[in-house]
Amino acid sequence: MNEQEFLRGLRDRLAWPDLGPDTRLSGDERWDSLAQVDVVMYVQDELGHTLPADELQNVTQARDLVGLVRDRLA
């Protein structure tokens, strides 16, 4: 799965149609604890890896999230 596919899946999972690499997550009301749990579940379901929810607290943009997932898969 590449970055575009990952973001496309997140857009669908989070019902966030304009989510892209430069989307600012922190401070957006859609980036709440439920969305973060959805991301953890998405990564587990699609990639078979566990993403610690507490690491999502430092994510500010979608590209940070992609980098975090990439680092966990490496």
C-alpha atoms as a PDB file:
ATOM      1  CA  MET A   1       0.000   0.000   0.000  1.00  0.00           C
ATOM      2  CA  ASN A   2       1.443   3.363  -0.971  1.00  0.00           C
ATOM      3  CA  GLU A   3       0.810   6.765   0.612  1.00  0.00           C
ATOM      4  CA  GLN A   4      -2.019   7.689  -1.749  1.00  0.00           C
ATOM      5  CA  GLU A   5      -3.817   4.396  -1.151  1.00  0.00           C
ATOM      6  CA  PHE A   6      -3.363   4.800   2.595  1.00  0.00           C
ATOM      7  CA  LEU A   7      -4.815   8.312   2.543  1.00  0.00           C
ATOM      8  CA  ARG A   8      -7.678   7.213   0.281  1.00  0.00           C
ATOM      9  CA  GLY A   9      -8.547   4.488   2.766  1.00  0.00           C
ATOM     10  CA  LEU A  10      -8.391   6.963   5.641  1.00  0.00           C
ATOM     11  CA  ARG A  11     -10.656   9.391   3.789  1.00  0.00           C
ATOM     12  CA  ASP A  12     -13.219   6.628   3.459  1.00  0.00           C
ATOM     13  CA  ARG A  13     -12.788   5.292   6.991  1.00  0.00           C
ATOM     14  CA  LEU A  14     -12.986   8.730   8.614  1.00  0.00           C
ATOM     15  CA  ALA A  15     -15.559  10.199   6.193  1.00  0.00           C
ATOM     16  CA  TRP A  16     -13.124  13.082   5.641  1.00  0.00           C
ATOM     17  CA  PRO A  17     -13.326  13.632   1.863  1.00  0.00           C
ATOM     18  CA  ASP A  18     -10.739  16.419   1.658  1.00  0.00           C
ATOM     19  CA  LEU A  19      -8.061  14.613   3.716  1.00  0.00           C
ATOM     20  CA  GLY A  20      -4.710  14.915   1.976  1.00  0.00           C
ATOM     21  CA  PRO A  21      -1.037  14.940   2.962  1.00  0.00           C
ATOM     22  CA  ASP A  22      -1.121  18.636   3.896  1.00  0.00           C
ATOM     23  CA  THR A  23      -4.349  18.454   5.875  1.00  0.00           C
ATOM     24  CA  ARG A  24      -3.873  19.856   9.362  1.00  0.00           C
ATOM     25  CA  LEU A  25      -5.248  17.377  11.880  1.00  0.00           C
ATOM     26  CA  SER A  26      -4.431  18.981  15.215  1.00  0.00           C
ATOM     27  CA  GLY A  27      -6.983  21.598  16.074  1.00  0.00           C
ATOM     28  CA  ASP A  28      -9.573  20.195  13.663  1.00  0.00           C
ATOM     29  CA  GLU A  29     -12.715  19.040  15.449  1.00  0.00           C
ATOM     30  CA  ARG A  30     -12.811  15.951  13.214  1.00  0.00           C
ATOM     31  CA  TRP A  31      -9.460  14.788  14.665  1.00  0.00           C
ATOM     32  CA  ASP A  32     -10.947  13.615  17.930  1.00  0.00           C
ATOM     33  CA  SER A  33     -10.333  10.511  20.011  1.00  0.00           C
ATOM     34  CA  LEU A  34     -12.840   8.499  17.964  1.00  0.00           C
ATOM     35  CA  ALA A  35     -11.037   9.394  14.717  1.00  0.00           C
ATOM     36  CA  GLN A  36      -7.742   8.399  16.306  1.00  0.00           C
ATOM     37  CA  VAL A  37      -9.155   5.031  17.365  1.00  0.00           C
ATOM     38  CA  ASP A  38     -10.455   4.590  13.809  1.00  0.00           C
ATOM     39  CA  VAL A  39      -6.926   5.209  12.508  1.00  0.00           C
ATOM     40  CA  VAL A  40      -5.490   2.623  14.902  1.00  0.00           C
ATOM     41  CA  MET A  41      -8.104   0.107  13.758  1.00  0.00           C
ATOM     42  CA  TYR A  42      -7.565   0.961  10.087  1.00  0.00           C
ATOM     43  CA  VAL A  43      -3.815   0.375  10.376  1.00  0.00           C
ATOM     44  CA  GLN A  44      -4.435  -2.896  12.199  1.00  0.00           C
ATOM     45  CA  ASP A  45      -7.092  -4.085   9.730  1.00  0.00           C
ATOM     46  CA  GLU A  46      -5.302  -3.068   6.537  1.00  0.00           C
ATOM     47  CA  LEU A  47      -1.635  -3.430   7.443  1.00  0.00           C
ATOM     48  CA  GLY A  48      -1.686  -5.925  10.300  1.00  0.00           C
ATOM     49  CA  HIS A  49       0.299  -3.684  12.646  1.00  0.00           C
ATOM     50  CA  THR A  50      -0.554  -2.055  15.921  1.00  0.00           C
ATOM     51  CA  LEU A  51      -0.183   1.700  16.084  1.00  0.00           C
ATOM     52  CA  PRO A  52      -0.053   3.000  19.667  1.00  0.00           C
ATOM     53  CA  ALA A  53      -2.858   5.513  20.131  1.00  0.00           C
ATOM     54  CA  ASP A  54      -0.697   7.743  22.327  1.00  0.00           C
ATOM     55  CA  GLU A  55       1.667   8.354  19.399  1.00  0.00           C
ATOM     56  CA  LEU A  56      -1.195   9.983  17.509  1.00  0.00           C
ATOM     57  CA  GLN A  57      -1.238  12.822  20.040  1.00  0.00           C
ATOM     58  CA  ASN A  58       1.883  14.305  18.398  1.00  0.00           C
ATOM     59  CA  VAL A  59       0.526  14.146  14.855  1.00  0.00           C
ATOM     60  CA  THR A  60      -0.248  17.590  13.433  1.00  0.00           C
ATOM     61  CA  GLN A  61      -0.701  16.884   9.715  1.00  0.00           C
ATOM     62  CA  ALA A  62      -1.781  13.871   7.712  1.00  0.00           C
ATOM     63  CA  ARG A  63       1.761  13.568   6.323  1.00  0.00           C
ATOM     64  CA  ASP A  64       2.976  13.131   9.933  1.00  0.00           C
ATOM     65  CA  LEU A  65       0.529  10.269  10.294  1.00  0.00           C
ATOM     66  CA  VAL A  66       1.798   8.659   7.083  1.00  0.00           C
ATOM     67  CA  GLY A  67       5.370   9.006   8.367  1.00  0.00           C
ATOM     68  CA  LEU A  68       4.437   7.486  11.714  1.00  0.00           C
ATOM     69  CA  VAL A  69       2.859   4.481  10.016  1.00  0.00           C
ATOM     70  CA  ARG A  70       5.814   4.155   7.625  1.00  0.00           C
ATOM     71  CA  ASP A  71       8.229   4.176  10.591  1.00  0.00           C
ATOM     72  CA  ARG A  72       6.214   1.502  12.413  1.00  0.00           C
ATOM     73  CA  LEU A  73       6.217  -0.738   9.328  1.00  0.00           C
ATOM     74  CA  ALA A  74       9.958  -0.399   8.730  1.00  0.00           C
END
